[in-house]
Amino acid sequence: MVAPDSSANAPMETPCINICMLDRASGLCVGCGRTVEEIARWSTMGEAERKRIMTELAARKASRPATVAE
């Protein structure tokens, strides 16, 4: 007997933190660090592509200049 794949019912991992604003200079979301294309395609991407992007996000966010709160 084969056990059901529990990962099929697991929620999709996402870097979204509900701060959805694009930085004009970098083209990245201020909250999660993804591009508009990545955000739009997220639910249709394969798991490997999503994981690759997730590993890149910290470096992307770190390379952005700090913004000054107004």
PDB file of N, CA and C in Angstrom:
ATOM      1  N   MET A   1       0.843  -1.177   0.000  1.00  0.00           N
ATOM      2  CA  MET A   1       0.000   0.000   0.000  1.00  0.00           C
ATOM      3  C   MET A   1       0.887   1.239   0.000  1.00  0.00           C
ATOM      4  N   VAL A   2       0.562   2.203  -0.824  1.00  0.00           N
ATOM      5  CA  VAL A   2       1.330   3.438  -0.926  1.00  0.00           C
ATOM      6  C   VAL A   2       0.622   4.524  -0.132  1.00  0.00           C
ATOM      7  N   ALA A   3       1.371   5.192   0.715  1.00  0.00           N
ATOM      8  CA  ALA A   3       0.799   6.275   1.522  1.00  0.00           C
ATOM      9  C   ALA A   3       0.496   7.471   0.636  1.00  0.00           C
ATOM     10  N   PRO A   4      -0.597   8.182   0.910  1.00  0.00           N
ATOM     11  CA  PRO A   4      -0.911   9.372   0.114  1.00  0.00           C
ATOM     12  C   PRO A   4       0.169  10.432   0.280  1.00  0.00           C
ATOM     13  N   ASP A   5       0.361  11.208  -0.746  1.00  0.00           N
ATOM     14  CA  ASP A   5       1.365  12.276  -0.726  1.00  0.00           C
ATOM     15  C   ASP A   5       0.812  13.453   0.073  1.00  0.00           C
ATOM     16  N   SER A   6       1.275  13.605   1.303  1.00  0.00           N
ATOM     17  CA  SER A   6       0.765  14.672   2.164  1.00  0.00           C
ATOM     18  C   SER A   6       1.197  16.047   1.681  1.00  0.00           C
ATOM     19  N   SER A   7       2.286  16.121   0.878  1.00  0.00           N
ATOM     20  CA  SER A   7       2.747  17.425   0.389  1.00  0.00           C
ATOM     21  C   SER A   7       1.768  18.023  -0.601  1.00  0.00           C
ATOM     22  N   ALA A   8       0.940  17.195  -1.235  1.00  0.00           N
ATOM     23  CA  ALA A   8      -0.044  17.707  -2.188  1.00  0.00           C
ATOM     24  C   ALA A   8      -1.098  18.555  -1.484  1.00  0.00           C
ATOM     25  N   ASN A   9      -1.332  18.292  -0.208  1.00  0.00           N
ATOM     26  CA  ASN A   9      -2.326  19.043   0.556  1.00  0.00           C
ATOM     27  C   ASN A   9      -1.714  20.172   1.366  1.00  0.00           C
ATOM     28  N   ALA A  10      -0.400  20.239   1.389  1.00  0.00           N
ATOM     29  CA  ALA A  10       0.280  21.270   2.167  1.00  0.00           C
ATOM     30  C   ALA A  10       0.157  22.618   1.462  1.00  0.00           C
ATOM     31  N   PRO A  11       0.050  23.710   2.222  1.00  0.00           N
ATOM     32  CA  PRO A  11      -0.010  25.026   1.598  1.00  0.00           C
ATOM     33  C   PRO A  11       1.296  25.336   0.868  1.00  0.00           C
ATOM     34  N   MET A  12       1.180  26.069  -0.226  1.00  0.00           N
ATOM     35  CA  MET A  12       2.347  26.447  -1.012  1.00  0.00           C
ATOM     36  C   MET A  12       3.162  27.478  -0.231  1.00  0.00           C
ATOM     37  N   GLU A  13       4.465  27.263  -0.141  1.00  0.00           N
ATOM     38  CA  GLU A  13       5.341  28.213   0.527  1.00  0.00           C
ATOM     39  C   GLU A  13       5.408  29.495  -0.296  1.00  0.00           C
ATOM     40  N   THR A  14       5.343  30.611   0.373  1.00  0.00           N
ATOM     41  CA  THR A  14       5.427  31.904  -0.300  1.00  0.00           C
ATOM     42  C   THR A  14       6.212  32.878   0.570  1.00  0.00           C
ATOM     43  N   PRO A  15       6.975  33.766  -0.045  1.00  0.00           N
ATOM     44  CA  PRO A  15       7.712  34.764   0.735  1.00  0.00           C
ATOM     45  C   PRO A  15       6.880  36.015   1.027  1.00  0.00           C
ATOM     46  N   CYS A  16       5.647  36.044   0.555  1.00  0.00           N
ATOM     47  CA  CYS A  16       4.805  37.238   0.707  1.00  0.00           C
ATOM     48  C   CYS A  16       4.581  37.556   2.186  1.00  0.00           C
ATOM     49  N   ILE A  17       4.793  38.830   2.542  1.00  0.00           N
ATOM     50  CA  ILE A  17       4.535  39.284   3.912  1.00  0.00           C
ATOM     51  C   ILE A  17       3.489  40.391   3.933  1.00  0.00           C
ATOM     52  N   ASN A  18       2.713  40.471   2.854  1.00  0.00           N
ATOM     53  CA  ASN A  18       1.613  41.437   2.717  1.00  0.00           C
ATOM     54  C   ASN A  18       2.062  42.892   2.788  1.00  0.00           C
ATOM     55  N   ILE A  19       3.266  43.151   2.314  1.00  0.00           N
ATOM     56  CA  ILE A  19       3.743  44.522   2.101  1.00  0.00           C
ATOM     57  C   ILE A  19       4.019  44.598   0.603  1.00  0.00           C
ATOM     58  N   CYS A  20       2.972  44.813  -0.162  1.00  0.00           N
ATOM     59  CA  CYS A  20       3.034  44.691  -1.616  1.00  0.00           C
ATOM     60  C   CYS A  20       3.216  46.070  -2.261  1.00  0.00           C
ATOM     61  N   MET A  21       4.473  46.440  -2.441  1.00  0.00           N
ATOM     62  CA  MET A  21       4.842  47.709  -3.057  1.00  0.00           C
ATOM     63  C   MET A  21       6.087  47.472  -3.885  1.00  0.00           C
ATOM     64  N   LEU A  22       6.081  47.949  -5.116  1.00  0.00           N
ATOM     65  CA  LEU A  22       7.260  47.765  -5.961  1.00  0.00           C
ATOM     66  C   LEU A  22       8.224  48.922  -5.808  1.00  0.00           C
ATOM     67  N   ASP A  23       9.486  48.587  -5.686  1.00  0.00           N
ATOM     68  CA  ASP A  23      10.550  49.577  -5.671  1.00  0.00           C
ATOM     69  C   ASP A  23      10.857  49.907  -7.128  1.00  0.00           C
ATOM     70  N   ARG A  24      10.672  51.144  -7.517  1.00  0.00           N
ATOM     71  CA  ARG A  24      10.861  51.528  -8.924  1.00  0.00           C
ATOM     72  C   ARG A  24      12.295  51.327  -9.398  1.00  0.00           C
ATOM     73  N   ALA A  25      13.252  51.578  -8.554  1.00  0.00           N
ATOM     74  CA  ALA A  25      14.657  51.473  -8.955  1.00  0.00           C
ATOM     75  C   ALA A  25      15.061  50.028  -9.245  1.00  0.00           C
ATOM     76  N   SER A  26      14.660  49.109  -8.377  1.00  0.00           N
ATOM     77  CA  SER A  26      15.083  47.712  -8.534  1.00  0.00           C
ATOM     78  C   SER A  26      14.062  46.860  -9.271  1.00  0.00           C
ATOM     79  N   GLY A  27      12.794  47.271  -9.252  1.00  0.00           N
ATOM     80  CA  GLY A  27      11.740  46.460  -9.848  1.00  0.00           C
ATOM     81  C   GLY A  27      11.301  45.312  -8.957  1.00  0.00           C
ATOM     82  N   LEU A  28      11.747  45.321  -7.699  1.00  0.00           N
ATOM     83  CA  LEU A  28      11.424  44.251  -6.766  1.00  0.00           C
ATOM     84  C   LEU A  28      10.368  44.702  -5.770  1.00  0.00           C
ATOM     85  N   CYS A  29       9.589  43.742  -5.290  1.00  0.00           N
ATOM     86  CA  CYS A  29       8.620  44.031  -4.241  1.00  0.00           C
ATOM     87  C   CYS A  29       9.374  44.388  -2.969  1.00  0.00           C
ATOM     88  N   VAL A  30       8.980  45.462  -2.320  1.00  0.00           N
ATOM     89  CA  VAL A  30       9.620  45.907  -1.085  1.00  0.00           C
ATOM     90  C   VAL A  30       9.449  44.862   0.013  1.00  0.00           C
ATOM     91  N   GLY A  31       8.320  44.185   0.043  1.00  0.00           N
ATOM     92  CA  GLY A  31       8.057  43.209   1.089  1.00  0.00           C
ATOM     93  C   GLY A  31       8.770  41.886   0.910  1.00  0.00           C
ATOM     94  N   CYS A  32       8.661  41.299  -0.286  1.00  0.00           N
ATOM     95  CA  CYS A  32       9.175  39.931  -0.462  1.00  0.00           C
ATOM     96  C   CYS A  32      10.426  39.832  -1.331  1.00  0.00           C
ATOM     97  N   GLY A  33      10.690  40.841  -2.140  1.00  0.00           N
ATOM     98  CA  GLY A  33      11.889  40.816  -2.975  1.00  0.00           C
ATOM     99  C   GLY A  33      11.716  40.169  -4.334  1.00  0.00           C
ATOM    100  N   ARG A  34      10.483  39.769  -4.679  1.00  0.00           N
ATOM    101  CA  ARG A  34      10.245  39.150  -5.982  1.00  0.00           C
ATOM    102  C   ARG A  34       9.944  40.197  -7.045  1.00  0.00           C
ATOM    103  N   THR A  35      10.139  39.807  -8.304  1.00  0.00           N
ATOM    104  CA  THR A  35       9.763  40.665  -9.423  1.00  0.00           C
ATOM    105  C   THR A  35       8.266  40.511  -9.668  1.00  0.00           C
ATOM    106  N   VAL A  36       7.694  41.419 -10.456  1.00  0.00           N
ATOM    107  CA  VAL A  36       6.275  41.328 -10.798  1.00  0.00           C
ATOM    108  C   VAL A  36       6.000  40.011 -11.526  1.00  0.00           C
ATOM    109  N   GLU A  37       6.880  39.640 -12.431  1.00  0.00           N
ATOM    110  CA  GLU A  37       6.699  38.384 -13.171  1.00  0.00           C
ATOM    111  C   GLU A  37       6.699  37.186 -12.226  1.00  0.00           C
ATOM    112  N   GLU A  38       7.617  37.170 -11.272  1.00  0.00           N
ATOM    113  CA  GLU A  38       7.682  36.060 -10.319  1.00  0.00           C
ATOM    114  C   GLU A  38       6.417  35.993  -9.471  1.00  0.00           C
ATOM    115  N   ILE A  39       5.931  37.132  -9.051  1.00  0.00           N
ATOM    116  CA  ILE A  39       4.700  37.178  -8.248  1.00  0.00           C
ATOM    117  C   ILE A  39       3.532  36.634  -9.072  1.00  0.00           C
ATOM    118  N   ALA A  40       3.426  37.078 -10.310  1.00  0.00           N
ATOM    119  CA  ALA A  40       2.319  36.658 -11.170  1.00  0.00           C
ATOM    120  C   ALA A  40       2.357  35.163 -11.476  1.00  0.00           C
ATOM    121  N   ARG A  41       3.537  34.610 -11.629  1.00  0.00           N
ATOM    122  CA  ARG A  41       3.684  33.206 -12.009  1.00  0.00           C
ATOM    123  C   ARG A  41       3.815  32.255 -10.826  1.00  0.00           C
ATOM    124  N   TRP A  42       3.899  32.772  -9.609  1.00  0.00           N
ATOM    125  CA  TRP A  42       4.243  31.975  -8.433  1.00  0.00           C
ATOM    126  C   TRP A  42       3.422  30.693  -8.320  1.00  0.00           C
ATOM    127  N   SER A  43       2.116  30.784  -8.469  1.00  0.00           N
ATOM    128  CA  SER A  43       1.267  29.603  -8.253  1.00  0.00           C
ATOM    129  C   SER A  43       1.390  28.573  -9.376  1.00  0.00           C
ATOM    130  N   THR A  44       1.930  28.954 -10.513  1.00  0.00           N
ATOM    131  CA  THR A  44       2.084  28.004 -11.621  1.00  0.00           C
ATOM    132  C   THR A  44       3.521  27.511 -11.789  1.00  0.00           C
ATOM    133  N   MET A  45       4.444  28.056 -11.015  1.00  0.00           N
ATOM    134  CA  MET A  45       5.843  27.609 -11.070  1.00  0.00           C
ATOM    135  C   MET A  45       5.969  26.230 -10.436  1.00  0.00           C
ATOM    136  N   GLY A  46       6.987  25.511 -10.870  1.00  0.00           N
ATOM    137  CA  GLY A  46       7.312  24.251 -10.221  1.00  0.00           C
ATOM    138  C   GLY A  46       7.966  24.518  -8.874  1.00  0.00           C
ATOM    139  N   GLU A  47       7.936  23.526  -8.024  1.00  0.00           N
ATOM    140  CA  GLU A  47       8.508  23.675  -6.683  1.00  0.00           C
ATOM    141  C   GLU A  47       9.992  24.024  -6.732  1.00  0.00           C
ATOM    142  N   ALA A  48      10.734  23.428  -7.664  1.00  0.00           N
ATOM    143  CA  ALA A  48      12.177  23.687  -7.763  1.00  0.00           C
ATOM    144  C   ALA A  48      12.445  25.155  -8.095  1.00  0.00           C
ATOM    145  N   GLU A  49      11.662  25.722  -9.001  1.00  0.00           N
ATOM    146  CA  GLU A  49      11.853  27.129  -9.363  1.00  0.00           C
ATOM    147  C   GLU A  49      11.508  28.042  -8.199  1.00  0.00           C
ATOM    148  N   ARG A  50      10.419  27.735  -7.490  1.00  0.00           N
ATOM    149  CA  ARG A  50      10.060  28.547  -6.314  1.00  0.00           C
ATOM    150  C   ARG A  50      11.162  28.479  -5.263  1.00  0.00           C
ATOM    151  N   LYS A  51      11.711  27.287  -5.015  1.00  0.00           N
ATOM    152  CA  LYS A  51      12.780  27.146  -4.018  1.00  0.00           C
ATOM    153  C   LYS A  51      14.025  27.923  -4.435  1.00  0.00           C
ATOM    154  N   ARG A  52      14.358  27.891  -5.733  1.00  0.00           N
ATOM    155  CA  ARG A  52      15.521  28.639  -6.220  1.00  0.00           C
ATOM    156  C   ARG A  52      15.337  30.126  -5.945  1.00  0.00           C
ATOM    157  N   ILE A  53      14.168  30.645  -6.240  1.00  0.00           N
ATOM    158  CA  ILE A  53      13.896  32.062  -6.014  1.00  0.00           C
ATOM    159  C   ILE A  53      13.941  32.374  -4.520  1.00  0.00           C
ATOM    160  N   MET A  54      13.353  31.494  -3.700  1.00  0.00           N
ATOM    161  CA  MET A  54      13.358  31.720  -2.248  1.00  0.00           C
ATOM    162  C   MET A  54      14.780  31.862  -1.720  1.00  0.00           C
ATOM    163  N   THR A  55      15.720  31.086  -2.270  1.00  0.00           N
ATOM    164  CA  THR A  55      17.106  31.174  -1.789  1.00  0.00           C
ATOM    165  C   THR A  55      17.778  32.470  -2.236  1.00  0.00           C
ATOM    166  N   GLU A  56      17.283  33.089  -3.297  1.00  0.00           N
ATOM    167  CA  GLU A  56      17.874  34.331  -3.802  1.00  0.00           C
ATOM    168  C   GLU A  56      17.342  35.578  -3.091  1.00  0.00           C
ATOM    169  N   LEU A  57      16.205  35.475  -2.432  1.00  0.00           N
ATOM    170  CA  LEU A  57      15.513  36.665  -1.914  1.00  0.00           C
ATOM    171  C   LEU A  57      16.300  37.443  -0.871  1.00  0.00           C
ATOM    172  N   ALA A  58      16.957  36.777   0.047  1.00  0.00           N
ATOM    173  CA  ALA A  58      17.715  37.491   1.090  1.00  0.00           C
ATOM    174  C   ALA A  58      18.802  38.356   0.462  1.00  0.00           C
ATOM    175  N   ALA A  59      19.505  37.817  -0.524  1.00  0.00           N
ATOM    176  CA  ALA A  59      20.564  38.582  -1.185  1.00  0.00           C
ATOM    177  C   ALA A  59      19.979  39.753  -1.970  1.00  0.00           C
ATOM    178  N   ARG A  60      18.849  39.537  -2.615  1.00  0.00           N
ATOM    179  CA  ARG A  60      18.194  40.628  -3.363  1.00  0.00           C
ATOM    180  C   ARG A  60      17.827  41.767  -2.429  1.00  0.00           C
ATOM    181  N   LYS A  61      17.187  41.416  -1.312  1.00  0.00           N
ATOM    182  CA  LYS A  61      16.744  42.444  -0.373  1.00  0.00           C
ATOM    183  C   LYS A  61      17.931  43.162   0.262  1.00  0.00           C
ATOM    184  N   ALA A  62      18.995  42.443   0.529  1.00  0.00           N
ATOM    185  CA  ALA A  62      20.200  43.038   1.131  1.00  0.00           C
ATOM    186  C   ALA A  62      20.894  43.998   0.179  1.00  0.00           C
ATOM    187  N   SER A  63      20.779  43.747  -1.114  1.00  0.00           N
ATOM    188  CA  SER A  63      21.477  44.587  -2.087  1.00  0.00           C
ATOM    189  C   SER A  63      20.725  45.877  -2.411  1.00  0.00           C
ATOM    190  N   ARG A  64      19.460  45.963  -1.977  1.00  0.00           N
ATOM    191  CA  ARG A  64      18.677  47.182  -2.216  1.00  0.00           C
ATOM    192  C   ARG A  64      19.128  48.262  -1.249  1.00  0.00           C
ATOM    193  N   PRO A  65      19.182  49.503  -1.721  1.00  0.00           N
ATOM    194  CA  PRO A  65      19.504  50.604  -0.787  1.00  0.00           C
ATOM    195  C   PRO A  65      18.392  50.735   0.257  1.00  0.00           C
ATOM    196  N   ALA A  66      18.768  51.100   1.450  1.00  0.00           N
ATOM    197  CA  ALA A  66      17.782  51.302   2.509  1.00  0.00           C
ATOM    198  C   ALA A  66      16.915  52.499   2.180  1.00  0.00           C
ATOM    199  N   THR A  67      15.640  52.402   2.524  1.00  0.00           N
ATOM    200  CA  THR A  67      14.736  53.528   2.298  1.00  0.00           C
ATOM    201  C   THR A  67      14.542  54.278   3.611  1.00  0.00           C
ATOM    202  N   VAL A  68      14.309  55.547   3.494  1.00  0.00           N
ATOM    203  CA  VAL A  68      14.113  56.397   4.655  1.00  0.00           C
ATOM    204  C   VAL A  68      12.625  56.554   4.901  1.00  0.00           C
ATOM    205  N   ALA A  69      12.170  56.290   6.102  1.00  0.00           N
ATOM    206  CA  ALA A  69      10.760  56.463   6.431  1.00  0.00           C
ATOM    207  C   ALA A  69      10.413  57.947   6.437  1.00  0.00           C
ATOM    208  N   GLU A  70       9.270  58.254   5.850  1.00  0.00           N
ATOM    209  CA  GLU A  70       8.859  59.676   5.798  1.00  0.00           C
ATOM    210  C   GLU A  70       7.814  59.967   6.825  1.00  0.00           C
TER     211      GLU A  70
END
